[in-house]
PDB file of N, CA and C in Angstrom:
ATOM      1  N   UNK A   1     -11.484 -12.568   8.780  1.00  0.00           N
ATOM      2  CA  UNK A   1     -10.569 -13.143   7.811  1.00  0.00           C
ATOM      3  C   UNK A   1      -9.209 -12.484   7.974  1.00  0.00           C
ATOM      4  N   UNK A   2      -8.177 -13.244   7.794  1.00  0.00           N
ATOM      5  CA  UNK A   2      -6.820 -12.752   7.884  1.00  0.00           C
ATOM      6  C   UNK A   2      -6.142 -12.987   6.541  1.00  0.00           C
ATOM      7  N   UNK A   3      -5.544 -11.924   6.004  1.00  0.00           N
ATOM      8  CA  UNK A   3      -4.789 -12.059   4.761  1.00  0.00           C
ATOM      9  C   UNK A   3      -3.339 -11.821   5.087  1.00  0.00           C
ATOM     10  N   UNK A   4      -2.513 -12.804   4.766  1.00  0.00           N
ATOM     11  CA  UNK A   4      -1.089 -12.673   4.991  1.00  0.00           C
ATOM     12  C   UNK A   4      -0.417 -12.505   3.650  1.00  0.00           C
ATOM     13  N   UNK A   5       0.426 -11.476   3.561  1.00  0.00           N
ATOM     14  CA  UNK A   5       1.143 -11.253   2.317  1.00  0.00           C
ATOM     15  C   UNK A   5       2.585 -11.660   2.506  1.00  0.00           C
ATOM     16  N   UNK A   6       3.058 -12.510   1.628  1.00  0.00           N
ATOM     17  CA  UNK A   6       4.437 -13.002   1.695  1.00  0.00           C
ATOM     18  C   UNK A   6       5.302 -12.188   0.749  1.00  0.00           C
ATOM     19  N   UNK A   7       5.961 -11.172   1.271  1.00  0.00           N
ATOM     20  CA  UNK A   7       6.787 -10.325   0.426  1.00  0.00           C
ATOM     21  C   UNK A   7       6.007  -9.116  -0.039  1.00  0.00           C
ATOM     22  N   UNK A   8       6.729  -8.177  -0.595  1.00  0.00           N
ATOM     23  CA  UNK A   8       6.110  -6.914  -0.974  1.00  0.00           C
ATOM     24  C   UNK A   8       5.104  -7.077  -2.101  1.00  0.00           C
ATOM     25  N   UNK A   9       5.429  -7.866  -3.093  1.00  0.00           N
ATOM     26  CA  UNK A   9       4.519  -8.060  -4.209  1.00  0.00           C
ATOM     27  C   UNK A   9       4.152  -9.534  -4.388  1.00  0.00           C
ATOM     28  N   UNK A  10       4.320 -10.280  -3.335  1.00  0.00           N
ATOM     29  CA  UNK A  10       4.070 -11.717  -3.422  1.00  0.00           C
ATOM     30  C   UNK A  10       2.607 -12.058  -3.274  1.00  0.00           C
ATOM     31  N   UNK A  11       2.283 -13.309  -3.452  1.00  0.00           N
ATOM     32  CA  UNK A  11       0.888 -13.750  -3.337  1.00  0.00           C
ATOM     33  C   UNK A  11       0.409 -13.699  -1.893  1.00  0.00           C
ATOM     34  N   UNK A  12      -0.877 -13.520  -1.729  1.00  0.00           N
ATOM     35  CA  UNK A  12      -1.463 -13.464  -0.392  1.00  0.00           C
ATOM     36  C   UNK A  12      -2.106 -14.805  -0.066  1.00  0.00           C
ATOM     37  N   UNK A  13      -1.981 -15.206   1.185  1.00  0.00           N
ATOM     38  CA  UNK A  13      -2.614 -16.428   1.666  1.00  0.00           C
ATOM     39  C   UNK A  13      -3.863 -16.046   2.425  1.00  0.00           C
ATOM     40  N   UNK A  14      -4.975 -16.690   2.122  1.00  0.00           N
ATOM     41  CA  UNK A  14      -6.218 -16.380   2.814  1.00  0.00           C
ATOM     42  C   UNK A  14      -6.448 -17.368   3.938  1.00  0.00           C
ATOM     43  N   UNK A  15      -6.792 -16.848   5.074  1.00  0.00           N
ATOM     44  CA  UNK A  15      -7.132 -17.664   6.223  1.00  0.00           C
ATOM     45  C   UNK A  15      -8.506 -17.231   6.687  1.00  0.00           C
ATOM     46  N   UNK A  16      -9.502 -18.089   6.522  1.00  0.00           N
ATOM     47  CA  UNK A  16     -10.879 -17.734   6.853  1.00  0.00           C
ATOM     48  C   UNK A  16     -11.323 -18.533   8.063  1.00  0.00           C
ATOM     49  N   UNK A  17     -11.495 -17.843   9.201  1.00  0.00           N
ATOM     50  CA  UNK A  17     -11.945 -18.559  10.391  1.00  0.00           C
ATOM     51  C   UNK A  17     -13.420 -18.931  10.279  1.00  0.00           C
ATOM     52  N   UNK A  18     -13.772 -20.068  10.812  1.00  0.00           N
ATOM     53  CA  UNK A  18     -15.168 -20.487  10.863  1.00  0.00           C
ATOM     54  C   UNK A  18     -15.585 -20.443  12.324  1.00  0.00           C
ATOM     55  N   UNK A  19     -16.489 -19.525  12.639  1.00  0.00           N
ATOM     56  CA  UNK A  19     -16.956 -19.354  14.006  1.00  0.00           C
ATOM     57  C   UNK A  19     -18.375 -19.893  14.115  1.00  0.00           C
ATOM     58  N   UNK A  20     -18.580 -20.840  14.998  1.00  0.00           N
ATOM     59  CA  UNK A  20     -19.903 -21.426  15.239  1.00  0.00           C
ATOM     60  C   UNK A  20     -20.531 -21.924  13.941  1.00  0.00           C
ATOM     61  N   UNK A  21     -19.728 -22.538  13.107  1.00  0.00           N
ATOM     62  CA  UNK A  21     -20.180 -23.061  11.810  1.00  0.00           C
ATOM     63  C   UNK A  21     -20.797 -21.974  10.941  1.00  0.00           C
ATOM     64  N   UNK A  22     -20.407 -20.713  11.165  1.00  0.00           N
ATOM     65  CA  UNK A  22     -20.905 -19.598  10.362  1.00  0.00           C
ATOM     66  C   UNK A  22     -19.967 -19.424   9.176  1.00  0.00           C
ATOM     67  N   UNK A  23     -20.493 -19.516   7.983  1.00  0.00           N
ATOM     68  CA  UNK A  23     -19.688 -19.371   6.780  1.00  0.00           C
ATOM     69  C   UNK A  23     -19.843 -17.958   6.242  1.00  0.00           C
ATOM     70  N   UNK A  24     -18.742 -17.415   5.724  1.00  0.00           N
ATOM     71  CA  UNK A  24     -18.786 -16.089   5.142  1.00  0.00           C
ATOM     72  C   UNK A  24     -19.395 -16.175   3.751  1.00  0.00           C
ATOM     73  N   UNK A  25     -20.211 -15.201   3.420  1.00  0.00           N
ATOM     74  CA  UNK A  25     -20.794 -15.192   2.086  1.00  0.00           C
ATOM     75  C   UNK A  25     -19.736 -14.747   1.084  1.00  0.00           C
ATOM     76  N   UNK A  26     -19.975 -15.076  -0.155  1.00  0.00           N
ATOM     77  CA  UNK A  26     -19.054 -14.682  -1.218  1.00  0.00           C
ATOM     78  C   UNK A  26     -18.950 -13.167  -1.275  1.00  0.00           C
ATOM     79  N   UNK A  27     -20.063 -12.477  -1.109  1.00  0.00           N
ATOM     80  CA  UNK A  27     -20.068 -11.013  -1.157  1.00  0.00           C
ATOM     81  C   UNK A  27     -19.215 -10.420  -0.038  1.00  0.00           C
ATOM     82  N   UNK A  28     -19.331 -10.982   1.167  1.00  0.00           N
ATOM     83  CA  UNK A  28     -18.546 -10.497   2.305  1.00  0.00           C
ATOM     84  C   UNK A  28     -17.063 -10.736   2.058  1.00  0.00           C
ATOM     85  N   UNK A  29     -16.745 -11.908   1.573  1.00  0.00           N
ATOM     86  CA  UNK A  29     -15.363 -12.252   1.270  1.00  0.00           C
ATOM     87  C   UNK A  29     -14.804 -11.323   0.191  1.00  0.00           C
ATOM     88  N   UNK A  30     -15.563 -11.128  -0.873  1.00  0.00           N
ATOM     89  CA  UNK A  30     -15.141 -10.267  -1.974  1.00  0.00           C
ATOM     90  C   UNK A  30     -14.967  -8.829  -1.501  1.00  0.00           C
ATOM     91  N   UNK A  31     -15.886  -8.354  -0.690  1.00  0.00           N
ATOM     92  CA  UNK A  31     -15.818  -6.993  -0.160  1.00  0.00           C
ATOM     93  C   UNK A  31     -14.561  -6.800   0.686  1.00  0.00           C
ATOM     94  N   UNK A  32     -14.261  -7.782   1.529  1.00  0.00           N
ATOM     95  CA  UNK A  32     -13.078  -7.702   2.385  1.00  0.00           C
ATOM     96  C   UNK A  32     -11.799  -7.691   1.550  1.00  0.00           C
ATOM     97  N   UNK A  33     -11.738  -8.541   0.554  1.00  0.00           N
ATOM     98  CA  UNK A  33     -10.557  -8.598  -0.306  1.00  0.00           C
ATOM     99  C   UNK A  33     -10.394  -7.292  -1.077  1.00  0.00           C
ATOM    100  N   UNK A  34     -11.493  -6.735  -1.570  1.00  0.00           N
ATOM    101  CA  UNK A  34     -11.424  -5.464  -2.297  1.00  0.00           C
ATOM    102  C   UNK A  34     -10.925  -4.343  -1.388  1.00  0.00           C
ATOM    103  N   UNK A  35     -11.383  -4.323  -0.153  1.00  0.00           N
ATOM    104  CA  UNK A  35     -10.916  -3.311   0.807  1.00  0.00           C
ATOM    105  C   UNK A  35      -9.420  -3.457   1.044  1.00  0.00           C
ATOM    106  N   UNK A  36      -8.962  -4.686   1.186  1.00  0.00           N
ATOM    107  CA  UNK A  36      -7.534  -4.913   1.412  1.00  0.00           C
ATOM    108  C   UNK A  36      -6.705  -4.520   0.198  1.00  0.00           C
ATOM    109  N   UNK A  37      -7.213  -4.805  -0.995  1.00  0.00           N
ATOM    110  CA  UNK A  37      -6.514  -4.400  -2.220  1.00  0.00           C
ATOM    111  C   UNK A  37      -6.452  -2.883  -2.330  1.00  0.00           C
ATOM    112  N   UNK A  38      -7.548  -2.216  -1.984  1.00  0.00           N
ATOM    113  CA  UNK A  38      -7.576  -0.758  -2.014  1.00  0.00           C
ATOM    114  C   UNK A  38      -6.564  -0.196  -1.019  1.00  0.00           C
ATOM    115  N   UNK A  39      -6.509  -0.783   0.182  1.00  0.00           N
ATOM    116  CA  UNK A  39      -5.540  -0.342   1.183  1.00  0.00           C
ATOM    117  C   UNK A  39      -4.110  -0.511   0.665  1.00  0.00           C
ATOM    118  N   UNK A  40      -3.840  -1.640   0.036  1.00  0.00           N
ATOM    119  CA  UNK A  40      -2.500  -1.897  -0.503  1.00  0.00           C
ATOM    120  C   UNK A  40      -2.169  -0.883  -1.600  1.00  0.00           C
ATOM    121  N   UNK A  41      -3.157  -0.572  -2.431  1.00  0.00           N
ATOM    122  CA  UNK A  41      -2.959   0.403  -3.499  1.00  0.00           C
ATOM    123  C   UNK A  41      -2.664   1.781  -2.912  1.00  0.00           C
ATOM    124  N   UNK A  42      -3.394   2.153  -1.872  1.00  0.00           N
ATOM    125  CA  UNK A  42      -3.177   3.437  -1.217  1.00  0.00           C
ATOM    126  C   UNK A  42      -1.790   3.506  -0.585  1.00  0.00           C
ATOM    127  N   UNK A  43      -1.374   2.423   0.054  1.00  0.00           N
ATOM    128  CA  UNK A  43      -0.040   2.394   0.664  1.00  0.00           C
ATOM    129  C   UNK A  43       1.045   2.542  -0.395  1.00  0.00           C
ATOM    130  N   UNK A  44       0.850   1.895  -1.534  1.00  0.00           N
ATOM    131  CA  UNK A  44       1.807   2.020  -2.644  1.00  0.00           C
ATOM    132  C   UNK A  44       1.864   3.446  -3.159  1.00  0.00           C
ATOM    133  N   UNK A  45       0.696   4.088  -3.255  1.00  0.00           N
ATOM    134  CA  UNK A  45       0.647   5.479  -3.707  1.00  0.00           C
ATOM    135  C   UNK A  45       1.354   6.396  -2.722  1.00  0.00           C
ATOM    136  N   UNK A  46       1.115   6.176  -1.437  1.00  0.00           N
ATOM    137  CA  UNK A  46       1.777   6.993  -0.415  1.00  0.00           C
ATOM    138  C   UNK A  46       3.290   6.823  -0.464  1.00  0.00           C
ATOM    139  N   UNK A  47       3.728   5.598  -0.710  1.00  0.00           N
ATOM    140  CA  UNK A  47       5.165   5.331  -0.809  1.00  0.00           C
ATOM    141  C   UNK A  47       5.765   6.081  -1.993  1.00  0.00           C
ATOM    142  N   UNK A  48       5.065   6.065  -3.135  1.00  0.00           N
ATOM    143  CA  UNK A  48       5.555   6.787  -4.315  1.00  0.00           C
ATOM    144  C   UNK A  48       5.573   8.294  -4.064  1.00  0.00           C
ATOM    145  N   UNK A  49       4.562   8.809  -3.373  1.00  0.00           N
ATOM    146  CA  UNK A  49       4.513  10.243  -3.050  1.00  0.00           C
ATOM    147  C   UNK A  49       5.690  10.626  -2.161  1.00  0.00           C
ATOM    148  N   UNK A  50       5.975   9.803  -1.148  1.00  0.00           N
ATOM    149  CA  UNK A  50       7.111  10.092  -0.268  1.00  0.00           C
ATOM    150  C   UNK A  50       8.418  10.112  -1.057  1.00  0.00           C
ATOM    151  N   UNK A  51       8.568   9.170  -1.989  1.00  0.00           N
ATOM    152  CA  UNK A  51       9.775   9.116  -2.809  1.00  0.00           C
ATOM    153  C   UNK A  51       9.875  10.365  -3.688  1.00  0.00           C
ATOM    154  N   UNK A  52       8.769  10.798  -4.263  1.00  0.00           N
ATOM    155  CA  UNK A  52       8.780  12.004  -5.086  1.00  0.00           C
ATOM    156  C   UNK A  52       9.109  13.239  -4.251  1.00  0.00           C
ATOM    157  N   UNK A  53       8.638  13.281  -3.005  1.00  0.00           N
ATOM    158  CA  UNK A  53       8.964  14.390  -2.112  1.00  0.00           C
ATOM    159  C   UNK A  53      10.458  14.434  -1.827  1.00  0.00           C
ATOM    160  N   UNK A  54      11.063  13.270  -1.643  1.00  0.00           N
ATOM    161  CA  UNK A  54      12.510  13.214  -1.419  1.00  0.00           C
ATOM    162  C   UNK A  54      13.265  13.747  -2.635  1.00  0.00           C
ATOM    163  N   UNK A  55      12.841  13.340  -3.818  1.00  0.00           N
ATOM    164  CA  UNK A  55      13.487  13.810  -5.046  1.00  0.00           C
ATOM    165  C   UNK A  55      13.297  15.322  -5.181  1.00  0.00           C
ATOM    166  N   UNK A  56      12.112  15.812  -4.896  1.00  0.00           N
ATOM    167  CA  UNK A  56      11.841  17.244  -4.973  1.00  0.00           C
ATOM    168  C   UNK A  56      12.731  18.024  -4.009  1.00  0.00           C
ATOM    169  N   UNK A  57      12.889  17.527  -2.793  1.00  0.00           N
ATOM    170  CA  UNK A  57      13.760  18.186  -1.818  1.00  0.00           C
ATOM    171  C   UNK A  57      15.196  18.262  -2.330  1.00  0.00           C
ATOM    172  N   UNK A  58      15.682  17.182  -2.929  1.00  0.00           N
ATOM    173  CA  UNK A  58      17.043  17.184  -3.479  1.00  0.00           C
ATOM    174  C   UNK A  58      17.163  18.190  -4.619  1.00  0.00           C
ATOM    175  N   UNK A  59      16.153  18.245  -5.479  1.00  0.00           N
ATOM    176  CA  UNK A  59      16.178  19.203  -6.586  1.00  0.00           C
ATOM    177  C   UNK A  59      16.139  20.640  -6.068  1.00  0.00           C
ATOM    178  N   UNK A  60      15.362  20.886  -5.025  1.00  0.00           N
ATOM    179  CA  UNK A  60      15.303  22.222  -4.439  1.00  0.00           C
ATOM    180  C   UNK A  60      16.657  22.617  -3.847  1.00  0.00           C
ATOM    181  N   UNK A  61      17.341  21.659  -3.213  1.00  0.00           N
ATOM    182  CA  UNK A  61      18.673  21.937  -2.671  1.00  0.00           C
ATOM    183  C   UNK A  61      19.643  22.296  -3.796  1.00  0.00           C
ATOM    184  N   UNK A  62      19.592  21.526  -4.884  1.00  0.00           N
ATOM    185  CA  UNK A  62      20.466  21.807  -6.024  1.00  0.00           C
ATOM    186  C   UNK A  62      20.168  23.179  -6.608  1.00  0.00           C
ATOM    187  N   UNK A  63      18.896  23.520  -6.710  1.00  0.00           N
ATOM    188  CA  UNK A  63      18.507  24.826  -7.242  1.00  0.00           C
ATOM    189  C   UNK A  63      19.016  25.950  -6.341  1.00  0.00           C
ATOM    190  N   UNK A  64      18.893  25.780  -5.033  1.00  0.00           N
ATOM    191  CA  UNK A  64      19.406  26.776  -4.089  1.00  0.00           C
ATOM    192  C   UNK A  64      20.905  26.965  -4.262  1.00  0.00           C
ATOM    193  N   UNK A  65      21.630  25.859  -4.443  1.00  0.00           N
ATOM    194  CA  UNK A  65      23.069  25.946  -4.646  1.00  0.00           C
ATOM    195  C   UNK A  65      23.418  26.676  -5.937  1.00  0.00           C
ATOM    196  N   UNK A  66      22.664  26.411  -6.995  1.00  0.00           N
ATOM    197  CA  UNK A  66      22.885  27.090  -8.273  1.00  0.00           C
ATOM    198  C   UNK A  66      22.589  28.581  -8.148  1.00  0.00           C
ATOM    199  N   UNK A  67      21.537  28.924  -7.420  1.00  0.00           N
ATOM    200  CA  UNK A  67      21.180  30.343  -7.239  1.00  0.00           C
ATOM    201  C   UNK A  67      22.265  31.083  -6.482  1.00  0.00           C
ATOM    202  N   UNK A  68      22.922  30.414  -5.538  1.00  0.00           N
ATOM    203  CA  UNK A  68      24.007  31.038  -4.774  1.00  0.00           C
ATOM    204  C   UNK A  68      25.200  31.327  -5.658  1.00  0.00           C
ATOM    205  N   UNK A  69      25.415  30.523  -6.679  1.00  0.00           N
ATOM    206  CA  UNK A  69      26.549  30.718  -7.578  1.00  0.00           C
ATOM    207  C   UNK A  69      26.327  31.868  -8.552  1.00  0.00           C
ATOM    208  N   UNK A  70      25.091  32.232  -8.767  1.00  0.00           N
ATOM    209  CA  UNK A  70      24.792  33.313  -9.733  1.00  0.00           C
ATOM    210  C   UNK A  70      24.814  34.659  -9.128  1.00  0.00           C
TER     211      UNK A  70
END
């Protein structure tokens, strides 16, 4: 199965290939979608962590500058 996401928070389009008239079970489909949602959630968390690290680095630089003035 291929899931295409249109935009960062946009809806996903599902494309389910049928190979040799083999149909995917609902459980398999649901499991795959849940895995993809979990991956997307993890990527979002990693992005937020990276942003927080950038903010922390800037705050540390400001603190170093303040310490030099004292």
